[in-house]
Amino acid sequence: MENSFNGSPNRREFIKTGGKAGLAAGLSLTILPALAKGYHKKEGAGFEESIPFHQQPLAYDYKALEPHIDAATMELHYTKHAAAYAKNLNDACGAEHVDTQATKLEDLLAGISKFTPKMRNNAGGHYNHELFWKSMAPNPQGKPSGKLLTAIEKEFTSFDAFKTKLSDAAKARFGSGFAWLVLNADKKLVVGSTPNQDNPLMDVSELKGFPVLGLDVWEHAYYLKYHNLRADYVTAWFNVVNWDYIGQRYESAL
């Protein structure tokens, strides 16, 4: 379903001016520091990723995921919502004396109960969005391969059954949140969801483990195009999943 607001002059002007301002703010915060330092080799695996505290550049244009994810949503989502999480996270780290040069974001999330709600919301929001951007790509392969596909078929009987289970978790999440594919402590894949900007790395989360894949079901991720039809957005989103990247994440955590 096409967004009925696409022809609005006011909306076009808002995207033009607001998007540029938001992008400038996001870039000024953080984009330059060491893009490569978030990755290090793990013996016997591809890579192990540590999400930096600062917003990173997108690997594709805002329009690259169309028609499944529209350019207007991508621009606002990245330059406004995600940029704000990155800024507010760094503000919270300053206020709570967290050394972002010596601390891994993943370790901070593991002890998030010790911090303020501002830290919890924005640390989670930043981590979740940085993972979300990398989890999508223009014209990706339609399904995983290798060890990830084998594990999915083992745990969920088939890839289609897995898609149904993740879709159901995304659609059933009341209000805002994320649906997840998680590698748990027993090295088994499980599907679940978390509210707001919580994630499975947090000590406060009922769903715990390594987040292999996260699907954003906040309304700001889809409302411009899909309005209140979250199910349509979830169905469309599977067309842009970067299974190569997700497969690398999975193998890195084994």
C-alpha atoms as a PDB file:
ATOM      1  CA  MET A   1       0.000   0.000   0.000  1.00  0.00           C
ATOM      2  CA  GLU A   2       1.433   3.367  -1.000  1.00  0.00           C
ATOM      3  CA  ASN A   3       1.681   6.184   1.497  1.00  0.00           C
ATOM      4  CA  SER A   4      -1.213   8.577   0.970  1.00  0.00           C
ATOM      5  CA  PHE A   5       0.913  11.501   2.206  1.00  0.00           C
ATOM      6  CA  ASN A   6       3.523  11.219  -0.564  1.00  0.00           C
ATOM      7  CA  GLY A   7       2.057  14.127  -2.514  1.00  0.00           C
ATOM      8  CA  SER A   8       1.844  16.585   0.379  1.00  0.00           C
ATOM      9  CA  PRO A   9       3.925  19.781  -0.182  1.00  0.00           C
ATOM     10  CA  ASN A  10       4.209  20.311   3.569  1.00  0.00           C
ATOM     11  CA  ARG A  11       5.489  16.809   4.041  1.00  0.00           C
ATOM     12  CA  ARG A  12       8.040  17.192   1.230  1.00  0.00           C
ATOM     13  CA  GLU A  13       9.336  20.402   2.775  1.00  0.00           C
ATOM     14  CA  PHE A  14       9.564  18.755   6.199  1.00  0.00           C
ATOM     15  CA  ILE A  15      11.582  15.871   4.794  1.00  0.00           C
ATOM     16  CA  LYS A  16      13.835  18.255   2.888  1.00  0.00           C
ATOM     17  CA  THR A  17      14.627  20.590   5.780  1.00  0.00           C
ATOM     18  CA  GLY A  18      14.215  18.317   8.784  1.00  0.00           C
ATOM     19  CA  GLY A  19      16.063  15.445   7.195  1.00  0.00           C
ATOM     20  CA  LYS A  20      19.102  17.578   6.336  1.00  0.00           C
ATOM     21  CA  ALA A  21      19.229  19.062   9.802  1.00  0.00           C
ATOM     22  CA  GLY A  22      18.914  15.670  11.434  1.00  0.00           C
ATOM     23  CA  LEU A  23      21.579  14.168   9.223  1.00  0.00           C
ATOM     24  CA  ALA A  24      23.964  17.002  10.034  1.00  0.00           C
ATOM     25  CA  ALA A  25      23.339  16.483  13.732  1.00  0.00           C
ATOM     26  CA  GLY A  26      23.935  12.757  13.447  1.00  0.00           C
ATOM     27  CA  LEU A  27      27.132  13.243  11.458  1.00  0.00           C
ATOM     28  CA  SER A  28      28.500  15.886  13.804  1.00  0.00           C
ATOM     29  CA  LEU A  29      28.054  13.591  16.763  1.00  0.00           C
ATOM     30  CA  THR A  30      29.957  10.629  15.760  1.00  0.00           C
ATOM     31  CA  ILE A  31      30.245   9.274  12.347  1.00  0.00           C
ATOM     32  CA  LEU A  32      33.976   9.852  11.870  1.00  0.00           C
ATOM     33  CA  PRO A  33      35.534   7.792  14.693  1.00  0.00           C
ATOM     34  CA  ALA A  34      37.177   4.557  13.509  1.00  0.00           C
ATOM     35  CA  LEU A  35      34.660   2.692  11.442  1.00  0.00           C
ATOM     36  CA  ALA A  36      36.699  -0.474  11.524  1.00  0.00           C
ATOM     37  CA  LYS A  37      37.438  -0.661  15.228  1.00  0.00           C
ATOM     38  CA  GLY A  38      34.054  -2.223  15.977  1.00  0.00           C
ATOM     39  CA  TYR A  39      35.237  -5.512  14.492  1.00  0.00           C
ATOM     40  CA  HIS A  40      37.808  -8.026  15.637  1.00  0.00           C
ATOM     41  CA  LYS A  41      38.615 -11.543  14.637  1.00  0.00           C
ATOM     42  CA  LYS A  42      37.462 -14.469  16.697  1.00  0.00           C
ATOM     43  CA  GLU A  43      39.345 -17.723  16.312  1.00  0.00           C
ATOM     44  CA  GLY A  44      37.398 -20.168  14.214  1.00  0.00           C
ATOM     45  CA  ALA A  45      34.765 -17.641  13.150  1.00  0.00           C
ATOM     46  CA  GLY A  46      34.252 -14.796  10.713  1.00  0.00           C
ATOM     47  CA  PHE A  47      34.021 -11.747  12.930  1.00  0.00           C
ATOM     48  CA  GLU A  48      32.756 -10.691  16.309  1.00  0.00           C
ATOM     49  CA  GLU A  49      31.123  -7.301  16.342  1.00  0.00           C
ATOM     50  CA  SER A  50      31.100  -4.664  19.045  1.00  0.00           C
ATOM     51  CA  ILE A  51      28.670  -1.820  18.414  1.00  0.00           C
ATOM     52  CA  PRO A  52      30.386   1.571  18.880  1.00  0.00           C
ATOM     53  CA  PHE A  53      28.812   4.275  21.039  1.00  0.00           C
ATOM     54  CA  HIS A  54      28.415   6.597  18.065  1.00  0.00           C
ATOM     55  CA  GLN A  55      26.079   6.506  15.099  1.00  0.00           C
ATOM     56  CA  GLN A  56      27.678   4.964  12.033  1.00  0.00           C
ATOM     57  CA  PRO A  57      26.997   5.815   8.374  1.00  0.00           C
ATOM     58  CA  LEU A  58      24.427   3.802   6.487  1.00  0.00           C
ATOM     59  CA  ALA A  59      25.885   1.405   3.951  1.00  0.00           C
ATOM     60  CA  TYR A  60      23.171   2.305   1.414  1.00  0.00           C
ATOM     61  CA  ASP A  61      21.001   5.233   0.291  1.00  0.00           C
ATOM     62  CA  TYR A  62      17.709   6.020   1.998  1.00  0.00           C
ATOM     63  CA  LYS A  63      15.869   4.912  -1.158  1.00  0.00           C
ATOM     64  CA  ALA A  64      17.846   1.686  -1.574  1.00  0.00           C
ATOM     65  CA  LEU A  65      15.311  -0.505   0.252  1.00  0.00           C
ATOM     66  CA  GLU A  66      12.292   0.650  -1.738  1.00  0.00           C
ATOM     67  CA  PRO A  67       9.595  -0.376  -2.373  1.00  0.00           C
ATOM     68  CA  HIS A  68       9.653  -2.373   0.851  1.00  0.00           C
ATOM     69  CA  ILE A  69      11.010   0.395   3.119  1.00  0.00           C
ATOM     70  CA  ASP A  70      10.385   3.879   1.726  1.00  0.00           C
ATOM     71  CA  ALA A  71      13.046   6.583   1.539  1.00  0.00           C
ATOM     72  CA  ALA A  72      11.118   9.061   3.685  1.00  0.00           C
ATOM     73  CA  THR A  73      10.831   6.579   6.542  1.00  0.00           C
ATOM     74  CA  MET A  74      14.497   5.612   6.275  1.00  0.00           C
ATOM     75  CA  GLU A  75      15.633   9.239   6.355  1.00  0.00           C
ATOM     76  CA  LEU A  76      13.509  10.212   9.330  1.00  0.00           C
ATOM     77  CA  HIS A  77      14.248   6.986  11.172  1.00  0.00           C
ATOM     78  CA  TYR A  78      18.010   7.359  10.754  1.00  0.00           C
ATOM     79  CA  THR A  79      18.479  11.128  11.063  1.00  0.00           C
ATOM     80  CA  LYS A  80      15.910  11.812  13.767  1.00  0.00           C
ATOM     81  CA  HIS A  81      15.073   8.786  15.899  1.00  0.00           C
ATOM     82  CA  ALA A  82      18.356   6.861  15.733  1.00  0.00           C
ATOM     83  CA  ALA A  83      20.510   9.997  15.876  1.00  0.00           C
ATOM     84  CA  ALA A  84      18.674  11.045  19.034  1.00  0.00           C
ATOM     85  CA  TYR A  85      19.381   7.700  20.707  1.00  0.00           C
ATOM     86  CA  ALA A  86      23.090   8.061  19.928  1.00  0.00           C
ATOM     87  CA  LYS A  87      23.230  11.624  21.254  1.00  0.00           C
ATOM     88  CA  ASN A  88      21.247  10.862  24.383  1.00  0.00           C
ATOM     89  CA  LEU A  89      23.339   7.766  25.083  1.00  0.00           C
ATOM     90  CA  ASN A  90      26.524   9.816  25.041  1.00  0.00           C
ATOM     91  CA  ASP A  91      24.879  12.479  27.212  1.00  0.00           C
ATOM     92  CA  ALA A  92      23.872   9.772  29.705  1.00  0.00           C
ATOM     93  CA  CYS A  93      27.376   8.299  29.682  1.00  0.00           C
ATOM     94  CA  GLY A  94      28.783  11.721  30.509  1.00  0.00           C
ATOM     95  CA  ALA A  95      26.305  12.274  33.324  1.00  0.00           C
ATOM     96  CA  GLU A  96      26.900   8.804  34.784  1.00  0.00           C
ATOM     97  CA  HIS A  97      30.683   8.853  34.301  1.00  0.00           C
ATOM     98  CA  VAL A  98      30.895   5.975  31.843  1.00  0.00           C
ATOM     99  CA  ASP A  99      34.167   5.982  29.903  1.00  0.00           C
ATOM    100  CA  THR A 100      33.019   5.199  26.371  1.00  0.00           C
ATOM    101  CA  GLN A 101      36.607   4.617  25.246  1.00  0.00           C
ATOM    102  CA  ALA A 102      37.228   1.908  27.816  1.00  0.00           C
ATOM    103  CA  THR A 103      33.738   0.377  27.973  1.00  0.00           C
ATOM    104  CA  LYS A 104      32.062  -1.918  25.457  1.00  0.00           C
ATOM    105  CA  LEU A 105      28.430  -1.061  24.836  1.00  0.00           C
ATOM    106  CA  GLU A 106      27.576  -4.748  25.157  1.00  0.00           C
ATOM    107  CA  ASP A 107      29.053  -4.811  28.671  1.00  0.00           C
ATOM    108  CA  LEU A 108      27.110  -1.712  29.633  1.00  0.00           C
ATOM    109  CA  LEU A 109      23.892  -3.374  28.442  1.00  0.00           C
ATOM    110  CA  ALA A 110      24.692  -6.502  30.474  1.00  0.00           C
ATOM    111  CA  GLY A 111      24.611  -4.390  33.648  1.00  0.00           C
ATOM    112  CA  ILE A 112      21.969  -1.893  32.567  1.00  0.00           C
ATOM    113  CA  SER A 113      19.948  -2.352  35.772  1.00  0.00           C
ATOM    114  CA  LYS A 114      22.613  -0.299  37.574  1.00  0.00           C
ATOM    115  CA  PHE A 115      21.868   2.764  35.472  1.00  0.00           C
ATOM    116  CA  THR A 116      19.084   5.293  34.960  1.00  0.00           C
ATOM    117  CA  PRO A 117      16.106   4.804  32.648  1.00  0.00           C
ATOM    118  CA  LYS A 118      17.707   7.340  30.292  1.00  0.00           C
ATOM    119  CA  MET A 119      20.743   5.113  29.937  1.00  0.00           C
ATOM    120  CA  ARG A 120      18.620   1.988  29.495  1.00  0.00           C
ATOM    121  CA  ASN A 121      16.365   3.512  26.839  1.00  0.00           C
ATOM    122  CA  ASN A 122      19.118   5.145  24.828  1.00  0.00           C
ATOM    123  CA  ALA A 123      21.797   2.466  25.141  1.00  0.00           C
ATOM    124  CA  GLY A 124      19.242  -0.062  23.956  1.00  0.00           C
ATOM    125  CA  GLY A 125      17.901   2.256  21.291  1.00  0.00           C
ATOM    126  CA  HIS A 126      21.344   2.911  19.890  1.00  0.00           C
ATOM    127  CA  TYR A 127      22.468  -0.733  19.910  1.00  0.00           C
ATOM    128  CA  ASN A 128      19.204  -1.932  18.406  1.00  0.00           C
ATOM    129  CA  HIS A 129      19.258   0.573  15.569  1.00  0.00           C
ATOM    130  CA  GLU A 130      22.907   0.034  14.667  1.00  0.00           C
ATOM    131  CA  LEU A 131      22.126  -3.680  14.363  1.00  0.00           C
ATOM    132  CA  PHE A 132      18.892  -2.994  12.479  1.00  0.00           C
ATOM    133  CA  TRP A 133      20.596  -0.951   9.725  1.00  0.00           C
ATOM    134  CA  LYS A 134      23.186  -3.659   9.114  1.00  0.00           C
ATOM    135  CA  SER A 135      20.496  -6.332   9.093  1.00  0.00           C
ATOM    136  CA  MET A 136      19.058  -4.901   5.871  1.00  0.00           C
ATOM    137  CA  ALA A 137      20.510  -4.551   2.381  1.00  0.00           C
ATOM    138  CA  PRO A 138      19.335  -3.734  -1.155  1.00  0.00           C
ATOM    139  CA  ASN A 139      18.501  -6.836  -3.201  1.00  0.00           C
ATOM    140  CA  PRO A 140      19.729  -9.413  -0.686  1.00  0.00           C
ATOM    141  CA  GLN A 141      19.464 -13.146  -1.044  1.00  0.00           C
ATOM    142  CA  GLY A 142      16.013 -14.344  -0.112  1.00  0.00           C
ATOM    143  CA  LYS A 143      17.035 -16.722   2.647  1.00  0.00           C
ATOM    144  CA  PRO A 144      20.064 -17.635   4.750  1.00  0.00           C
ATOM    145  CA  SER A 145      22.549 -20.324   3.824  1.00  0.00           C
ATOM    146  CA  GLY A 146      25.246 -22.429   5.460  1.00  0.00           C
ATOM    147  CA  LYS A 147      25.305 -22.981   9.209  1.00  0.00           C
ATOM    148  CA  LEU A 148      22.536 -20.467   9.923  1.00  0.00           C
ATOM    149  CA  LEU A 149      20.079 -22.122   7.563  1.00  0.00           C
ATOM    150  CA  THR A 150      20.947 -25.536   8.974  1.00  0.00           C
ATOM    151  CA  ALA A 151      20.360 -24.283  12.533  1.00  0.00           C
ATOM    152  CA  ILE A 152      17.072 -22.581  11.594  1.00  0.00           C
ATOM    153  CA  GLU A 153      15.777 -25.732   9.935  1.00  0.00           C
ATOM    154  CA  LYS A 154      16.819 -27.781  12.948  1.00  0.00           C
ATOM    155  CA  GLU A 155      15.141 -25.542  15.525  1.00  0.00           C
ATOM    156  CA  PHE A 156      12.042 -24.450  13.581  1.00  0.00           C
ATOM    157  CA  THR A 157      11.668 -27.368  11.070  1.00  0.00           C
ATOM    158  CA  SER A 158      11.879 -25.019   8.056  1.00  0.00           C
ATOM    159  CA  PHE A 159      12.803 -21.494   7.044  1.00  0.00           C
ATOM    160  CA  ASP A 160       9.141 -20.699   6.336  1.00  0.00           C
ATOM    161  CA  ALA A 161       8.178 -21.887   9.814  1.00  0.00           C
ATOM    162  CA  PHE A 162      10.852 -19.617  11.269  1.00  0.00           C
ATOM    163  CA  LYS A 163       9.530 -16.643   9.271  1.00  0.00           C
ATOM    164  CA  THR A 164       6.047 -17.312  10.627  1.00  0.00           C
ATOM    165  CA  LYS A 165       7.314 -17.532  14.203  1.00  0.00           C
ATOM    166  CA  LEU A 166       9.320 -14.291  13.973  1.00  0.00           C
ATOM    167  CA  SER A 167       6.431 -12.536  12.214  1.00  0.00           C
ATOM    168  CA  ASP A 168       4.034 -13.655  14.936  1.00  0.00           C
ATOM    169  CA  ALA A 169       6.394 -12.356  17.633  1.00  0.00           C
ATOM    170  CA  ALA A 170       6.636  -9.004  15.841  1.00  0.00           C
ATOM    171  CA  LYS A 171       2.886  -8.682  15.355  1.00  0.00           C
ATOM    172  CA  ALA A 172       2.080  -9.779  18.914  1.00  0.00           C
ATOM    173  CA  ARG A 173       4.442  -7.285  20.603  1.00  0.00           C
ATOM    174  CA  PHE A 174       2.035  -4.857  22.259  1.00  0.00           C
ATOM    175  CA  GLY A 175       2.991  -1.232  21.649  1.00  0.00           C
ATOM    176  CA  SER A 176       6.572  -0.575  20.647  1.00  0.00           C
ATOM    177  CA  GLY A 177       9.495  -2.976  20.677  1.00  0.00           C
ATOM    178  CA  PHE A 178      11.639  -5.424  18.748  1.00  0.00           C
ATOM    179  CA  ALA A 179      11.253  -9.036  17.634  1.00  0.00           C
ATOM    180  CA  TRP A 180      14.427 -11.124  17.853  1.00  0.00           C
ATOM    181  CA  LEU A 181      16.215 -14.209  16.670  1.00  0.00           C
ATOM    182  CA  VAL A 182      18.518 -15.028  19.585  1.00  0.00           C
ATOM    183  CA  LEU A 183      21.276 -17.550  20.208  1.00  0.00           C
ATOM    184  CA  ASN A 184      20.777 -18.551  23.835  1.00  0.00           C
ATOM    185  CA  ALA A 185      23.245 -19.867  26.407  1.00  0.00           C
ATOM    186  CA  ASP A 186      22.680 -23.420  25.163  1.00  0.00           C
ATOM    187  CA  LYS A 187      23.645 -22.343  21.624  1.00  0.00           C
ATOM    188  CA  LYS A 188      20.095 -22.840  20.431  1.00  0.00           C
ATOM    189  CA  LEU A 189      18.161 -20.380  18.301  1.00  0.00           C
ATOM    190  CA  VAL A 190      15.017 -18.949  19.878  1.00  0.00           C
ATOM    191  CA  VAL A 191      12.518 -16.314  18.796  1.00  0.00           C
ATOM    192  CA  GLY A 192      10.970 -13.704  21.080  1.00  0.00           C
ATOM    193  CA  SER A 193      10.412 -10.004  21.578  1.00  0.00           C
ATOM    194  CA  THR A 194      11.250  -7.197  23.986  1.00  0.00           C
ATOM    195  CA  PRO A 195       9.401  -3.982  24.817  1.00  0.00           C
ATOM    196  CA  ASN A 196      10.519  -0.476  23.933  1.00  0.00           C
ATOM    197  CA  GLN A 197      14.301  -0.399  23.304  1.00  0.00           C
ATOM    198  CA  ASP A 198      15.206  -3.347  25.512  1.00  0.00           C
ATOM    199  CA  ASN A 199      17.222  -6.173  23.992  1.00  0.00           C
ATOM    200  CA  PRO A 200      18.383  -9.692  24.912  1.00  0.00           C
ATOM    201  CA  LEU A 201      21.797  -8.491  26.129  1.00  0.00           C
ATOM    202  CA  MET A 202      20.235  -6.618  29.050  1.00  0.00           C
ATOM    203  CA  ASP A 203      20.177  -8.109  32.524  1.00  0.00           C
ATOM    204  CA  VAL A 204      16.605  -6.824  32.884  1.00  0.00           C
ATOM    205  CA  SER A 205      15.335  -8.689  29.815  1.00  0.00           C
ATOM    206  CA  GLU A 206      13.285 -11.871  30.117  1.00  0.00           C
ATOM    207  CA  LEU A 207      14.609 -12.897  26.693  1.00  0.00           C
ATOM    208  CA  LYS A 208      18.360 -13.371  26.997  1.00  0.00           C
ATOM    209  CA  GLY A 209      21.121 -14.334  24.612  1.00  0.00           C
ATOM    210  CA  PHE A 210      23.079 -13.061  21.636  1.00  0.00           C
ATOM    211  CA  PRO A 211      20.872 -11.044  19.257  1.00  0.00           C
ATOM    212  CA  VAL A 212      21.404 -12.586  15.832  1.00  0.00           C
ATOM    213  CA  LEU A 213      18.627 -10.595  14.161  1.00  0.00           C
ATOM    214  CA  GLY A 214      16.373  -7.776  15.359  1.00  0.00           C
ATOM    215  CA  LEU A 215      13.196  -6.437  13.738  1.00  0.00           C
ATOM    216  CA  ASP A 216      12.090  -2.934  14.739  1.00  0.00           C
ATOM    217  CA  VAL A 217       8.312  -2.728  15.233  1.00  0.00           C
ATOM    218  CA  TRP A 218       8.116   0.799  16.598  1.00  0.00           C
ATOM    219  CA  GLU A 219       5.576   2.763  14.564  1.00  0.00           C
ATOM    220  CA  HIS A 220       8.258   5.190  13.405  1.00  0.00           C
ATOM    221  CA  ALA A 221       9.811   2.275  11.485  1.00  0.00           C
ATOM    222  CA  TYR A 222       6.817   1.847   9.200  1.00  0.00           C
ATOM    223  CA  TYR A 223       3.953   4.291   9.786  1.00  0.00           C
ATOM    224  CA  LEU A 224       4.528   6.681   6.870  1.00  0.00           C
ATOM    225  CA  LYS A 225       4.081   3.881   4.335  1.00  0.00           C
ATOM    226  CA  TYR A 226       2.121   1.172   6.132  1.00  0.00           C
ATOM    227  CA  HIS A 227       0.127   3.304   8.585  1.00  0.00           C
ATOM    228  CA  ASN A 228      -1.278   0.971  11.251  1.00  0.00           C
ATOM    229  CA  LEU A 229      -0.732  -2.192   9.184  1.00  0.00           C
ATOM    230  CA  ARG A 230       2.234  -3.631  11.057  1.00  0.00           C
ATOM    231  CA  ALA A 231       1.673  -7.069   9.557  1.00  0.00           C
ATOM    232  CA  ASP A 232       2.156  -5.689   6.034  1.00  0.00           C
ATOM    233  CA  TYR A 233       5.407  -4.033   7.079  1.00  0.00           C
ATOM    234  CA  VAL A 234       6.694  -7.241   8.673  1.00  0.00           C
ATOM    235  CA  THR A 235       5.913  -9.218   5.512  1.00  0.00           C
ATOM    236  CA  ALA A 236       7.665  -6.636   3.336  1.00  0.00           C
ATOM    237  CA  TRP A 237      10.677  -6.420   5.644  1.00  0.00           C
ATOM    238  CA  PHE A 238      11.684 -10.012   4.915  1.00  0.00           C
ATOM    239  CA  ASN A 239      12.508  -8.848   1.368  1.00  0.00           C
ATOM    240  CA  VAL A 240      15.407  -6.714   2.600  1.00  0.00           C
ATOM    241  CA  VAL A 241      17.031  -8.922   5.274  1.00  0.00           C
ATOM    242  CA  ASN A 242      20.802  -9.062   4.836  1.00  0.00           C
ATOM    243  CA  TRP A 243      21.208 -12.796   5.403  1.00  0.00           C
ATOM    244  CA  ASP A 244      24.921 -12.714   4.602  1.00  0.00           C
ATOM    245  CA  TYR A 245      25.501 -10.368   7.531  1.00  0.00           C
ATOM    246  CA  ILE A 246      23.126 -12.250   9.819  1.00  0.00           C
ATOM    247  CA  GLY A 247      24.886 -15.502   8.988  1.00  0.00           C
ATOM    248  CA  GLN A 248      28.238 -13.965   9.933  1.00  0.00           C
ATOM    249  CA  ARG A 249      26.798 -12.744  13.240  1.00  0.00           C
ATOM    250  CA  TYR A 250      25.470 -16.207  14.003  1.00  0.00           C
ATOM    251  CA  GLU A 251      28.751 -17.951  13.233  1.00  0.00           C
ATOM    252  CA  SER A 252      30.713 -15.397  15.262  1.00  0.00           C
ATOM    253  CA  ALA A 253      28.735 -16.312  18.371  1.00  0.00           C
ATOM    254  CA  LEU A 254      29.064 -20.075  18.150  1.00  0.00           C
END
